[in-house]
Amino acid sequence: MSGYSRAGATCLVLAPVAGVVSALVGTPVSGKAADLASTFTDHATAARTGLAINAIAATLLLGGIVWFAMACSHRAGRLAVVGGTLGVLGM
């Protein structure tokens, strides 16, 4: 297994884990603006940490999707391009 494949597979494994951690650490989001503002001011550190971990998870998932599409391109080139494009745009 090459380093490129190992990095892509690691992105695909760590992205969901980071997403779950982000949901556990972050503050709950309410539909009301006043509740949201008070939650962010009362729990600023947790809100910032959750948003930062969520951004990391999104970046890892993006890298994993691109790697997966490139890894599949030798078998079904058009399908890999379409799947990779839809996966990236769906984020």
N, C-alpha and C. Protein backbone atom coordinates (compact mmCIF):
# COMPACT_ATOMS: atom_id res chain seq x y z
N MET A 1 0.85 -1.17 0.00
CA MET A 1 0.00 0.00 0.00
C MET A 1 0.90 1.24 0.00
N SER A 2 0.65 2.12 -0.95
CA SER A 2 1.47 3.32 -1.05
C SER A 2 1.07 4.35 -0.01
N GLY A 3 1.92 5.33 0.15
CA GLY A 3 1.63 6.39 1.11
C GLY A 3 0.41 7.20 0.71
N TYR A 4 0.20 7.35 -0.61
CA TYR A 4 -0.95 8.07 -1.12
C TYR A 4 -2.25 7.33 -0.76
N SER A 5 -2.25 6.03 -0.93
CA SER A 5 -3.44 5.24 -0.59
C SER A 5 -3.68 5.21 0.91
N ARG A 6 -2.62 5.14 1.67
CA ARG A 6 -2.75 5.14 3.12
C ARG A 6 -3.32 6.46 3.62
N ALA A 7 -2.89 7.57 3.03
CA ALA A 7 -3.40 8.88 3.44
C ALA A 7 -4.88 9.03 3.08
N GLY A 8 -5.27 8.57 1.89
CA GLY A 8 -6.67 8.65 1.49
C GLY A 8 -7.57 7.79 2.35
N ALA A 9 -7.13 6.58 2.64
CA ALA A 9 -7.92 5.70 3.50
C ALA A 9 -8.02 6.26 4.91
N THR A 10 -6.96 6.85 5.39
CA THR A 10 -6.99 7.46 6.72
C THR A 10 -7.98 8.62 6.77
N CYS A 11 -8.03 9.40 5.70
CA CYS A 11 -9.02 10.50 5.64
C CYS A 11 -10.44 9.95 5.71
N LEU A 12 -10.70 8.86 4.98
CA LEU A 12 -12.04 8.29 4.98
C LEU A 12 -12.43 7.69 6.33
N VAL A 13 -11.45 7.23 7.09
CA VAL A 13 -11.75 6.66 8.40
C VAL A 13 -11.89 7.76 9.46
N LEU A 14 -11.03 8.76 9.42
CA LEU A 14 -11.03 9.78 10.46
C LEU A 14 -12.12 10.84 10.30
N ALA A 15 -12.63 11.05 9.09
CA ALA A 15 -13.65 12.09 8.87
C ALA A 15 -14.93 11.82 9.67
N PRO A 16 -15.50 10.62 9.65
CA PRO A 16 -16.70 10.40 10.46
C PRO A 16 -16.43 10.47 11.96
N VAL A 17 -15.26 10.03 12.37
CA VAL A 17 -14.91 10.09 13.79
C VAL A 17 -14.85 11.55 14.24
N ALA A 18 -14.22 12.38 13.42
CA ALA A 18 -14.15 13.80 13.76
C ALA A 18 -15.53 14.45 13.75
N GLY A 19 -16.41 14.00 12.86
CA GLY A 19 -17.77 14.53 12.84
C GLY A 19 -18.54 14.18 14.10
N VAL A 20 -18.38 12.97 14.59
CA VAL A 20 -19.05 12.56 15.83
C VAL A 20 -18.49 13.35 17.01
N VAL A 21 -17.18 13.50 17.07
CA VAL A 21 -16.55 14.27 18.15
C VAL A 21 -17.04 15.72 18.11
N SER A 22 -17.17 16.27 16.91
CA SER A 22 -17.66 17.63 16.76
C SER A 22 -19.08 17.77 17.31
N ALA A 23 -19.91 16.79 17.04
CA ALA A 23 -21.29 16.84 17.55
C ALA A 23 -21.33 16.70 19.07
N LEU A 24 -20.42 15.91 19.62
CA LEU A 24 -20.41 15.72 21.07
C LEU A 24 -19.83 16.92 21.82
N VAL A 25 -18.82 17.56 21.23
CA VAL A 25 -18.15 18.68 21.90
C VAL A 25 -18.90 19.99 21.70
N GLY A 26 -19.45 20.19 20.51
CA GLY A 26 -20.09 21.47 20.17
C GLY A 26 -21.37 21.71 20.95
N THR A 27 -21.84 22.92 20.85
CA THR A 27 -23.06 23.31 21.53
C THR A 27 -24.26 22.98 20.66
N PRO A 28 -25.40 22.66 21.27
CA PRO A 28 -26.59 22.40 20.46
C PRO A 28 -27.09 23.68 19.79
N VAL A 29 -27.58 23.54 18.58
CA VAL A 29 -28.03 24.69 17.81
C VAL A 29 -29.55 24.77 17.88
N SER A 30 -30.04 25.96 18.21
CA SER A 30 -31.47 26.20 18.33
C SER A 30 -31.97 26.96 17.12
N GLY A 31 -33.27 26.92 16.90
CA GLY A 31 -33.85 27.65 15.79
C GLY A 31 -34.04 29.12 16.06
N LYS A 32 -34.00 29.52 17.31
CA LYS A 32 -34.21 30.92 17.67
C LYS A 32 -32.87 31.65 17.76
N ALA A 33 -32.82 32.84 17.20
CA ALA A 33 -31.57 33.60 17.18
C ALA A 33 -31.12 34.00 18.58
N ALA A 34 -32.06 34.34 19.46
CA ALA A 34 -31.68 34.75 20.81
C ALA A 34 -31.08 33.58 21.59
N ASP A 35 -31.66 32.39 21.44
CA ASP A 35 -31.10 31.22 22.11
C ASP A 35 -29.72 30.87 21.56
N LEU A 36 -29.57 31.00 20.26
CA LEU A 36 -28.28 30.70 19.64
C LEU A 36 -27.21 31.67 20.12
N ALA A 37 -27.54 32.94 20.19
CA ALA A 37 -26.57 33.94 20.65
C ALA A 37 -26.20 33.72 22.11
N SER A 38 -27.18 33.40 22.94
CA SER A 38 -26.86 33.18 24.36
C SER A 38 -26.05 31.90 24.55
N THR A 39 -26.31 30.89 23.74
CA THR A 39 -25.53 29.65 23.83
C THR A 39 -24.08 29.91 23.45
N PHE A 40 -23.87 30.67 22.38
CA PHE A 40 -22.50 30.96 21.95
C PHE A 40 -21.76 31.85 22.94
N THR A 41 -22.45 32.75 23.59
CA THR A 41 -21.76 33.60 24.57
C THR A 41 -21.50 32.86 25.87
N ASP A 42 -22.43 32.00 26.28
CA ASP A 42 -22.24 31.25 27.52
C ASP A 42 -21.20 30.13 27.38
N HIS A 43 -21.16 29.50 26.24
CA HIS A 43 -20.26 28.35 26.01
C HIS A 43 -19.39 28.62 24.79
N ALA A 44 -18.65 29.70 24.83
CA ALA A 44 -17.86 30.13 23.67
C ALA A 44 -16.77 29.13 23.31
N THR A 45 -16.08 28.59 24.29
CA THR A 45 -14.99 27.66 24.02
C THR A 45 -15.50 26.37 23.39
N ALA A 46 -16.59 25.84 23.90
CA ALA A 46 -17.15 24.62 23.34
C ALA A 46 -17.67 24.86 21.92
N ALA A 47 -18.27 26.02 21.69
CA ALA A 47 -18.78 26.33 20.36
C ALA A 47 -17.64 26.45 19.35
N ARG A 48 -16.58 27.14 19.73
CA ARG A 48 -15.44 27.30 18.82
C ARG A 48 -14.74 25.97 18.57
N THR A 49 -14.59 25.17 19.60
CA THR A 49 -13.95 23.87 19.45
C THR A 49 -14.77 22.97 18.53
N GLY A 50 -16.09 22.95 18.74
CA GLY A 50 -16.95 22.13 17.89
C GLY A 50 -16.91 22.57 16.44
N LEU A 51 -16.90 23.88 16.20
CA LEU A 51 -16.83 24.37 14.82
C LEU A 51 -15.48 24.06 14.18
N ALA A 52 -14.41 24.15 14.95
CA ALA A 52 -13.08 23.84 14.41
C ALA A 52 -12.96 22.36 14.06
N ILE A 53 -13.46 21.50 14.92
CA ILE A 53 -13.41 20.06 14.64
C ILE A 53 -14.30 19.72 13.45
N ASN A 54 -15.44 20.41 13.34
CA ASN A 54 -16.33 20.19 12.20
C ASN A 54 -15.65 20.60 10.89
N ALA A 55 -14.91 21.68 10.90
CA ALA A 55 -14.17 22.11 9.70
C ALA A 55 -13.10 21.09 9.33
N ILE A 56 -12.42 20.54 10.34
CA ILE A 56 -11.42 19.50 10.09
C ILE A 56 -12.07 18.26 9.50
N ALA A 57 -13.23 17.88 10.03
CA ALA A 57 -13.94 16.71 9.51
C ALA A 57 -14.36 16.91 8.07
N ALA A 58 -14.83 18.10 7.73
CA ALA A 58 -15.23 18.38 6.35
C ALA A 58 -14.03 18.33 5.40
N THR A 59 -12.89 18.84 5.85
CA THR A 59 -11.69 18.80 5.02
C THR A 59 -11.21 17.37 4.82
N LEU A 60 -11.24 16.57 5.88
CA LEU A 60 -10.86 15.16 5.75
C LEU A 60 -11.80 14.40 4.82
N LEU A 61 -13.09 14.67 4.93
CA LEU A 61 -14.05 13.99 4.08
C LEU A 61 -13.85 14.39 2.62
N LEU A 62 -13.58 15.64 2.37
CA LEU A 62 -13.33 16.11 1.01
C LEU A 62 -12.10 15.41 0.42
N GLY A 63 -11.04 15.34 1.19
CA GLY A 63 -9.84 14.64 0.73
C GLY A 63 -10.08 13.17 0.50
N GLY A 64 -10.86 12.54 1.37
CA GLY A 64 -11.18 11.13 1.20
C GLY A 64 -12.02 10.85 -0.03
N ILE A 65 -12.98 11.72 -0.32
CA ILE A 65 -13.81 11.54 -1.52
C ILE A 65 -12.98 11.69 -2.78
N VAL A 66 -12.12 12.69 -2.81
CA VAL A 66 -11.27 12.89 -3.99
C VAL A 66 -10.33 11.70 -4.15
N TRP A 67 -9.74 11.21 -3.07
CA TRP A 67 -8.86 10.05 -3.16
C TRP A 67 -9.63 8.82 -3.65
N PHE A 68 -10.82 8.60 -3.14
CA PHE A 68 -11.61 7.44 -3.53
C PHE A 68 -11.96 7.50 -5.01
N ALA A 69 -12.32 8.67 -5.50
CA ALA A 69 -12.63 8.81 -6.92
C ALA A 69 -11.39 8.56 -7.78
N MET A 70 -10.24 9.04 -7.33
CA MET A 70 -9.01 8.81 -8.10
C MET A 70 -8.58 7.35 -8.03
N ALA A 71 -8.83 6.69 -6.90
CA ALA A 71 -8.46 5.28 -6.78
C ALA A 71 -9.34 4.40 -7.66
N CYS A 72 -10.56 4.81 -7.89
CA CYS A 72 -11.49 4.03 -8.72
C CYS A 72 -11.42 4.38 -10.19
N SER A 73 -10.67 5.39 -10.54
CA SER A 73 -10.69 5.89 -11.92
C SER A 73 -10.10 4.90 -12.93
N HIS A 74 -9.23 4.01 -12.52
CA HIS A 74 -8.65 3.08 -13.49
C HIS A 74 -9.65 1.99 -13.90
N ARG A 75 -10.66 1.72 -13.09
CA ARG A 75 -11.68 0.72 -13.45
C ARG A 75 -12.82 1.33 -14.24
N ALA A 76 -13.36 2.41 -13.77
CA ALA A 76 -14.48 3.07 -14.43
C ALA A 76 -14.24 4.57 -14.38
N GLY A 77 -13.55 5.07 -15.37
CA GLY A 77 -13.10 6.46 -15.36
C GLY A 77 -14.23 7.47 -15.30
N ARG A 78 -15.23 7.33 -16.16
CA ARG A 78 -16.32 8.30 -16.17
C ARG A 78 -17.14 8.23 -14.89
N LEU A 79 -17.40 7.03 -14.44
CA LEU A 79 -18.17 6.87 -13.20
C LEU A 79 -17.43 7.47 -12.01
N ALA A 80 -16.12 7.30 -11.96
CA ALA A 80 -15.34 7.88 -10.86
C ALA A 80 -15.37 9.40 -10.90
N VAL A 81 -15.28 9.97 -12.11
CA VAL A 81 -15.32 11.43 -12.23
C VAL A 81 -16.68 11.97 -11.82
N VAL A 82 -17.75 11.31 -12.28
CA VAL A 82 -19.10 11.76 -11.93
C VAL A 82 -19.35 11.59 -10.43
N GLY A 83 -18.97 10.44 -9.88
CA GLY A 83 -19.16 10.20 -8.45
C GLY A 83 -18.35 11.15 -7.58
N GLY A 84 -17.11 11.38 -7.96
CA GLY A 84 -16.27 12.31 -7.21
C GLY A 84 -16.79 13.74 -7.26
N THR A 85 -17.25 14.14 -8.44
CA THR A 85 -17.80 15.49 -8.59
C THR A 85 -19.07 15.66 -7.76
N LEU A 86 -19.96 14.68 -7.84
CA LEU A 86 -21.20 14.75 -7.04
C LEU A 86 -20.90 14.72 -5.55
N GLY A 87 -19.92 13.93 -5.14
CA GLY A 87 -19.56 13.87 -3.73
C GLY A 87 -19.00 15.18 -3.21
N VAL A 88 -18.16 15.82 -4.01
CA VAL A 88 -17.58 17.10 -3.59
C VAL A 88 -18.63 18.20 -3.60
N LEU A 89 -19.46 18.23 -4.61
CA LEU A 89 -20.49 19.26 -4.70
C LEU A 89 -21.58 19.05 -3.64
N GLY A 90 -21.80 17.83 -3.22
CA GLY A 90 -22.80 17.54 -2.22
C GLY A 90 -22.39 17.97 -0.81
N MET A 91 -21.14 18.28 -0.63
CA MET A 91 -20.69 18.74 0.68
C MET A 91 -21.16 20.13 0.86
